Amino acid sequence: MKPANFLNELEQVEDYWSPRVVGRVNDQFIKVAKLKGSFTWHKHDDEDEMFYVVKGRLVIEYENTQVELNEGDFHVVPKGTMHNPLADEECWVVLVETISTKHTGDVIIDKTKTLDQQLGEN
């Protein structure tokens, strides 16, 4: 029941593209992550995914368009939508995702993190 601070949580993140679970609201995980560079094209068939930019700038590429997010902006990627997040410079984000959401959907790359890794259990 203690308060948490997103900036403090993000300062503890060491690796890019490695989300860390910092809270839970019902069936949603609250995660923090630092992003830099391009991630990978993927989708989440059954879950929406929310990105909130705490620091920096994030572009979410879609197949036919892109969305640019600056500090304080948030965006929801609809379930089943192919997307690729990218950040030219270091970007700090908060993610809100259903607990069943796989990090990179059905795509497995070297950056893919298991839920245990995101929970800090591995």
N, C-alpha and C. Protein backbone atom coordinates (compact mmCIF):
# COMPACT_ATOMS: atom_id res chain seq x y z
N MET A 1 0.82 -1.20 0.00
CA MET A 1 0.00 0.00 0.00
C MET A 1 0.86 1.26 0.00
N LYS A 2 2.16 1.12 -0.27
CA LYS A 2 3.03 2.29 -0.33
C LYS A 2 2.95 2.91 -1.72
N PRO A 3 3.08 4.23 -1.80
CA PRO A 3 3.08 4.87 -3.12
C PRO A 3 4.35 4.51 -3.89
N ALA A 4 4.26 4.58 -5.21
CA ALA A 4 5.40 4.35 -6.08
C ALA A 4 5.56 5.56 -6.98
N ASN A 5 6.74 5.68 -7.57
CA ASN A 5 7.04 6.82 -8.43
C ASN A 5 7.61 6.28 -9.74
N PHE A 6 6.98 6.62 -10.86
CA PHE A 6 7.44 6.12 -12.15
C PHE A 6 8.88 6.52 -12.45
N LEU A 7 9.27 7.76 -12.14
CA LEU A 7 10.64 8.18 -12.42
C LEU A 7 11.65 7.35 -11.62
N ASN A 8 11.36 7.11 -10.36
CA ASN A 8 12.24 6.27 -9.54
C ASN A 8 12.32 4.85 -10.09
N GLU A 9 11.19 4.31 -10.49
CA GLU A 9 11.17 2.95 -11.05
C GLU A 9 11.97 2.90 -12.35
N LEU A 10 11.82 3.91 -13.18
CA LEU A 10 12.52 3.93 -14.47
C LEU A 10 14.02 4.12 -14.30
N GLU A 11 14.44 4.85 -13.29
CA GLU A 11 15.87 5.03 -13.05
C GLU A 11 16.56 3.70 -12.74
N GLN A 12 15.81 2.73 -12.26
CA GLN A 12 16.38 1.42 -11.93
C GLN A 12 16.48 0.48 -13.13
N VAL A 13 15.84 0.83 -14.24
CA VAL A 13 15.87 0.00 -15.44
C VAL A 13 17.22 0.18 -16.12
N GLU A 14 17.91 -0.93 -16.39
CA GLU A 14 19.24 -0.86 -16.98
C GLU A 14 19.27 -1.20 -18.46
N ASP A 15 18.42 -2.11 -18.91
CA ASP A 15 18.48 -2.58 -20.29
C ASP A 15 17.32 -2.05 -21.11
N TYR A 16 17.61 -1.69 -22.36
CA TYR A 16 16.56 -1.26 -23.28
C TYR A 16 15.68 -2.45 -23.66
N TRP A 17 14.40 -2.16 -23.92
CA TRP A 17 13.43 -3.13 -24.38
C TRP A 17 13.23 -4.27 -23.39
N SER A 18 13.41 -3.98 -22.11
CA SER A 18 13.27 -4.99 -21.07
C SER A 18 12.27 -4.51 -20.03
N PRO A 19 10.97 -4.64 -20.33
CA PRO A 19 9.96 -4.13 -19.40
C PRO A 19 10.02 -4.82 -18.04
N ARG A 20 9.66 -4.04 -17.03
CA ARG A 20 9.66 -4.56 -15.66
C ARG A 20 8.30 -4.25 -15.03
N VAL A 21 7.65 -5.27 -14.50
CA VAL A 21 6.35 -5.09 -13.86
C VAL A 21 6.55 -4.35 -12.54
N VAL A 22 5.79 -3.25 -12.36
CA VAL A 22 5.89 -2.47 -11.12
C VAL A 22 4.56 -2.39 -10.38
N GLY A 23 3.50 -2.94 -10.99
CA GLY A 23 2.21 -2.91 -10.33
C GLY A 23 1.18 -3.71 -11.11
N ARG A 24 0.03 -3.86 -10.48
CA ARG A 24 -1.06 -4.60 -11.11
C ARG A 24 -2.37 -3.94 -10.72
N VAL A 25 -3.24 -3.77 -11.71
CA VAL A 25 -4.60 -3.28 -11.47
C VAL A 25 -5.53 -4.32 -12.09
N ASN A 26 -6.20 -5.08 -11.25
CA ASN A 26 -7.07 -6.16 -11.71
C ASN A 26 -6.28 -7.09 -12.64
N ASP A 27 -6.69 -7.21 -13.88
CA ASP A 27 -6.01 -8.10 -14.83
C ASP A 27 -5.04 -7.36 -15.73
N GLN A 28 -4.55 -6.21 -15.29
CA GLN A 28 -3.60 -5.41 -16.07
C GLN A 28 -2.29 -5.26 -15.30
N PHE A 29 -1.18 -5.47 -15.98
CA PHE A 29 0.13 -5.17 -15.40
C PHE A 29 0.51 -3.75 -15.76
N ILE A 30 1.14 -3.06 -14.84
CA ILE A 30 1.76 -1.77 -15.10
C ILE A 30 3.25 -2.04 -15.18
N LYS A 31 3.85 -1.65 -16.30
CA LYS A 31 5.26 -1.94 -16.54
C LYS A 31 5.99 -0.65 -16.86
N VAL A 32 7.29 -0.63 -16.58
CA VAL A 32 8.15 0.48 -17.00
C VAL A 32 9.23 -0.10 -17.89
N ALA A 33 9.69 0.73 -18.84
CA ALA A 33 10.74 0.27 -19.76
C ALA A 33 11.47 1.47 -20.33
N LYS A 34 12.72 1.24 -20.67
CA LYS A 34 13.50 2.20 -21.43
C LYS A 34 13.66 1.65 -22.83
N LEU A 35 13.45 2.51 -23.81
CA LEU A 35 13.50 2.10 -25.20
C LEU A 35 14.54 2.92 -25.95
N LYS A 36 15.21 2.29 -26.89
CA LYS A 36 16.14 3.00 -27.78
C LYS A 36 16.37 2.13 -29.00
N GLY A 37 16.25 2.74 -30.18
CA GLY A 37 16.38 2.02 -31.43
C GLY A 37 15.04 1.46 -31.87
N SER A 38 15.11 0.50 -32.78
CA SER A 38 13.91 -0.13 -33.30
C SER A 38 13.69 -1.46 -32.59
N PHE A 39 12.44 -1.82 -32.36
CA PHE A 39 12.12 -3.07 -31.66
C PHE A 39 11.92 -4.19 -32.67
N THR A 40 10.68 -4.56 -32.95
CA THR A 40 10.35 -5.57 -33.96
C THR A 40 8.87 -5.46 -34.31
N TRP A 41 8.56 -5.80 -35.54
CA TRP A 41 7.16 -5.84 -35.94
C TRP A 41 6.50 -7.03 -35.26
N HIS A 42 5.37 -6.76 -34.58
CA HIS A 42 4.64 -7.81 -33.89
C HIS A 42 3.22 -7.35 -33.62
N LYS A 43 2.42 -8.25 -33.09
CA LYS A 43 1.04 -7.90 -32.69
C LYS A 43 0.66 -8.75 -31.49
N HIS A 44 -0.37 -8.30 -30.83
CA HIS A 44 -0.95 -9.03 -29.71
C HIS A 44 -2.39 -9.35 -30.13
N ASP A 45 -2.63 -10.61 -30.46
CA ASP A 45 -3.91 -10.99 -31.06
C ASP A 45 -5.12 -10.63 -30.20
N ASP A 46 -5.01 -10.77 -28.88
CA ASP A 46 -6.18 -10.63 -28.02
C ASP A 46 -6.10 -9.49 -27.01
N GLU A 47 -5.03 -8.69 -27.06
CA GLU A 47 -4.86 -7.66 -26.03
C GLU A 47 -4.50 -6.31 -26.64
N ASP A 48 -5.12 -5.25 -26.11
CA ASP A 48 -4.68 -3.89 -26.40
C ASP A 48 -3.43 -3.63 -25.57
N GLU A 49 -2.66 -2.61 -25.96
CA GLU A 49 -1.42 -2.26 -25.25
C GLU A 49 -1.32 -0.74 -25.18
N MET A 50 -1.15 -0.20 -23.98
CA MET A 50 -1.04 1.24 -23.83
C MET A 50 0.40 1.67 -23.57
N PHE A 51 0.86 2.66 -24.31
CA PHE A 51 2.17 3.28 -24.11
C PHE A 51 1.95 4.69 -23.57
N TYR A 52 2.63 5.04 -22.49
CA TYR A 52 2.62 6.39 -21.94
C TYR A 52 4.09 6.85 -21.88
N VAL A 53 4.40 7.94 -22.55
CA VAL A 53 5.78 8.43 -22.61
C VAL A 53 6.05 9.35 -21.42
N VAL A 54 6.97 8.94 -20.58
CA VAL A 54 7.38 9.72 -19.41
C VAL A 54 8.49 10.70 -19.79
N LYS A 55 9.41 10.23 -20.66
CA LYS A 55 10.56 11.04 -21.03
C LYS A 55 10.99 10.64 -22.44
N GLY A 56 11.25 11.63 -23.28
CA GLY A 56 11.73 11.35 -24.63
C GLY A 56 10.61 11.37 -25.66
N ARG A 57 10.87 10.66 -26.77
CA ARG A 57 9.95 10.62 -27.90
C ARG A 57 9.89 9.19 -28.43
N LEU A 58 8.69 8.74 -28.76
CA LEU A 58 8.47 7.39 -29.26
C LEU A 58 7.63 7.45 -30.52
N VAL A 59 8.01 6.68 -31.51
CA VAL A 59 7.21 6.52 -32.72
C VAL A 59 6.71 5.09 -32.75
N ILE A 60 5.43 4.92 -32.98
CA ILE A 60 4.87 3.59 -33.17
C ILE A 60 4.49 3.48 -34.64
N GLU A 61 5.20 2.61 -35.33
CA GLU A 61 4.93 2.40 -36.73
C GLU A 61 3.80 1.39 -36.89
N TYR A 62 2.91 1.69 -37.82
CA TYR A 62 1.89 0.75 -38.25
C TYR A 62 2.15 0.45 -39.72
N GLU A 63 1.46 -0.50 -40.27
CA GLU A 63 1.71 -0.90 -41.66
C GLU A 63 1.53 0.25 -42.65
N ASN A 64 0.59 1.15 -42.40
CA ASN A 64 0.31 2.23 -43.36
C ASN A 64 0.44 3.63 -42.78
N THR A 65 0.86 3.74 -41.52
CA THR A 65 0.96 5.05 -40.89
C THR A 65 1.87 4.94 -39.68
N GLN A 66 2.01 6.02 -38.95
CA GLN A 66 2.76 5.99 -37.69
C GLN A 66 2.18 7.03 -36.74
N VAL A 67 2.44 6.81 -35.45
CA VAL A 67 1.98 7.73 -34.40
C VAL A 67 3.22 8.20 -33.66
N GLU A 68 3.35 9.52 -33.49
CA GLU A 68 4.47 10.10 -32.76
C GLU A 68 3.99 10.50 -31.37
N LEU A 69 4.72 10.05 -30.34
CA LEU A 69 4.37 10.37 -28.96
C LEU A 69 5.50 11.13 -28.31
N ASN A 70 5.17 12.22 -27.64
CA ASN A 70 6.14 13.02 -26.90
C ASN A 70 5.84 12.91 -25.41
N GLU A 71 6.68 13.49 -24.59
CA GLU A 71 6.50 13.40 -23.14
C GLU A 71 5.08 13.78 -22.75
N GLY A 72 4.47 12.93 -21.95
CA GLY A 72 3.11 13.17 -21.48
C GLY A 72 2.03 12.58 -22.36
N ASP A 73 2.40 12.13 -23.57
CA ASP A 73 1.42 11.53 -24.48
C ASP A 73 1.23 10.06 -24.18
N PHE A 74 0.03 9.55 -24.48
CA PHE A 74 -0.20 8.11 -24.42
C PHE A 74 -0.95 7.68 -25.66
N HIS A 75 -0.85 6.39 -25.95
CA HIS A 75 -1.49 5.84 -27.14
C HIS A 75 -1.81 4.37 -26.88
N VAL A 76 -2.96 3.93 -27.35
CA VAL A 76 -3.36 2.53 -27.22
C VAL A 76 -3.24 1.85 -28.58
N VAL A 77 -2.44 0.79 -28.62
CA VAL A 77 -2.32 -0.03 -29.82
C VAL A 77 -3.44 -1.07 -29.75
N PRO A 78 -4.34 -1.05 -30.74
CA PRO A 78 -5.46 -2.01 -30.69
C PRO A 78 -5.00 -3.45 -30.89
N LYS A 79 -5.67 -4.36 -30.22
CA LYS A 79 -5.35 -5.78 -30.36
C LYS A 79 -5.38 -6.19 -31.82
N GLY A 80 -4.49 -7.13 -32.16
CA GLY A 80 -4.44 -7.66 -33.51
C GLY A 80 -3.79 -6.75 -34.54
N THR A 81 -3.20 -5.64 -34.10
CA THR A 81 -2.62 -4.66 -35.02
C THR A 81 -1.11 -4.79 -35.07
N MET A 82 -0.56 -5.03 -36.26
CA MET A 82 0.90 -5.08 -36.43
C MET A 82 1.47 -3.70 -36.12
N HIS A 83 2.54 -3.68 -35.30
CA HIS A 83 3.16 -2.42 -34.94
C HIS A 83 4.63 -2.63 -34.60
N ASN A 84 5.39 -1.56 -34.66
CA ASN A 84 6.81 -1.59 -34.33
C ASN A 84 7.16 -0.30 -33.61
N PRO A 85 7.43 -0.34 -32.30
CA PRO A 85 7.86 0.86 -31.58
C PRO A 85 9.32 1.17 -31.91
N LEU A 86 9.64 2.45 -32.01
CA LEU A 86 11.03 2.85 -32.19
C LEU A 86 11.28 4.20 -31.53
N ALA A 87 12.50 4.34 -31.03
CA ALA A 87 12.91 5.57 -30.35
C ALA A 87 14.32 5.92 -30.82
N ASP A 88 14.46 7.07 -31.47
CA ASP A 88 15.78 7.48 -31.95
C ASP A 88 16.75 7.70 -30.80
N GLU A 89 16.25 8.27 -29.71
CA GLU A 89 17.04 8.50 -28.50
C GLU A 89 16.36 7.76 -27.35
N GLU A 90 17.02 7.68 -26.22
CA GLU A 90 16.44 6.97 -25.07
C GLU A 90 15.07 7.54 -24.73
N CYS A 91 14.13 6.65 -24.53
CA CYS A 91 12.75 7.01 -24.20
C CYS A 91 12.30 6.18 -23.01
N TRP A 92 11.65 6.82 -22.04
CA TRP A 92 11.13 6.14 -20.86
C TRP A 92 9.61 6.02 -21.00
N VAL A 93 9.10 4.80 -20.85
CA VAL A 93 7.67 4.60 -21.01
C VAL A 93 7.07 3.80 -19.85
N VAL A 94 5.78 4.00 -19.69
CA VAL A 94 4.95 3.15 -18.84
C VAL A 94 4.02 2.40 -19.78
N LEU A 95 3.91 1.10 -19.57
CA LEU A 95 3.04 0.26 -20.37
C LEU A 95 1.92 -0.28 -19.48
N VAL A 96 0.73 -0.35 -20.02
CA VAL A 96 -0.37 -1.00 -19.34
C VAL A 96 -0.85 -2.09 -20.28
N GLU A 97 -0.73 -3.33 -19.80
CA GLU A 97 -1.04 -4.50 -20.63
C GLU A 97 -1.77 -5.55 -19.82
N THR A 98 -2.68 -6.26 -20.47
CA THR A 98 -3.34 -7.39 -19.84
C THR A 98 -2.27 -8.40 -19.41
N ILE A 99 -2.48 -9.06 -18.30
CA ILE A 99 -1.47 -9.97 -17.77
C ILE A 99 -1.11 -11.11 -18.73
N SER A 100 -1.96 -11.38 -19.70
CA SER A 100 -1.69 -12.45 -20.67
C SER A 100 -0.85 -11.98 -21.86
N THR A 101 -0.53 -10.69 -21.93
CA THR A 101 0.18 -10.15 -23.09
C THR A 101 1.61 -10.65 -23.16
N LYS A 102 1.97 -11.27 -24.28
CA LYS A 102 3.34 -11.71 -24.51
C LYS A 102 4.15 -10.52 -25.01
N HIS A 103 5.36 -10.38 -24.55
CA HIS A 103 6.23 -9.25 -24.85
C HIS A 103 6.27 -8.92 -26.34
N THR A 104 6.54 -9.91 -27.17
CA THR A 104 6.64 -9.69 -28.62
C THR A 104 5.60 -10.51 -29.37
N GLY A 105 4.45 -10.71 -28.76
CA GLY A 105 3.41 -11.50 -29.41
C GLY A 105 3.92 -12.89 -29.73
N ASP A 106 3.67 -13.35 -30.95
CA ASP A 106 4.14 -14.67 -31.37
C ASP A 106 5.50 -14.62 -32.04
N VAL A 107 6.12 -13.45 -32.09
CA VAL A 107 7.45 -13.28 -32.68
C VAL A 107 8.48 -13.43 -31.55
N ILE A 108 9.48 -14.25 -31.76
CA ILE A 108 10.53 -14.44 -30.75
C ILE A 108 11.84 -13.90 -31.32
N ILE A 109 12.42 -12.93 -30.61
CA ILE A 109 13.71 -12.35 -31.01
C ILE A 109 14.62 -12.32 -29.78
N ASP A 110 15.85 -11.89 -29.98
CA ASP A 110 16.79 -11.86 -28.85
C ASP A 110 16.35 -10.88 -27.75
N LYS A 111 15.51 -9.92 -28.07
CA LYS A 111 15.03 -8.95 -27.08
C LYS A 111 13.80 -9.43 -26.32
N THR A 112 13.19 -10.53 -26.74
CA THR A 112 11.97 -11.02 -26.11
C THR A 112 12.22 -11.37 -24.64
N LYS A 113 11.34 -10.90 -23.77
CA LYS A 113 11.43 -11.18 -22.34
C LYS A 113 10.21 -11.99 -21.91
N THR A 114 10.46 -13.03 -21.12
CA THR A 114 9.36 -13.82 -20.58
C THR A 114 8.66 -13.03 -19.48
N LEU A 115 7.49 -13.48 -19.10
CA LEU A 115 6.79 -12.83 -18.00
C LEU A 115 7.59 -12.96 -16.71
N ASP A 116 8.21 -14.10 -16.47
CA ASP A 116 9.05 -14.26 -15.28
C ASP A 116 10.17 -13.23 -15.25
N GLN A 117 10.80 -12.98 -16.40
CA GLN A 117 11.86 -11.97 -16.47
C GLN A 117 11.30 -10.58 -16.18
N GLN A 118 10.10 -10.28 -16.69
CA GLN A 118 9.49 -8.98 -16.45
C GLN A 118 9.08 -8.79 -14.99
N LEU A 119 8.77 -9.91 -14.34
CA LEU A 119 8.42 -9.86 -12.92
C LEU A 119 9.65 -9.87 -12.02
N GLY A 120 10.82 -10.03 -12.62
CA GLY A 120 12.07 -10.05 -11.86
C GLY A 120 12.31 -11.38 -11.17
N GLU A 121 11.67 -12.43 -11.68
CA GLU A 121 11.78 -13.75 -11.06
C GLU A 121 12.80 -14.63 -11.76
N ASN A 122 13.45 -14.09 -12.81
CA ASN A 122 14.39 -14.92 -13.55
C ASN A 122 15.58 -14.12 -14.00
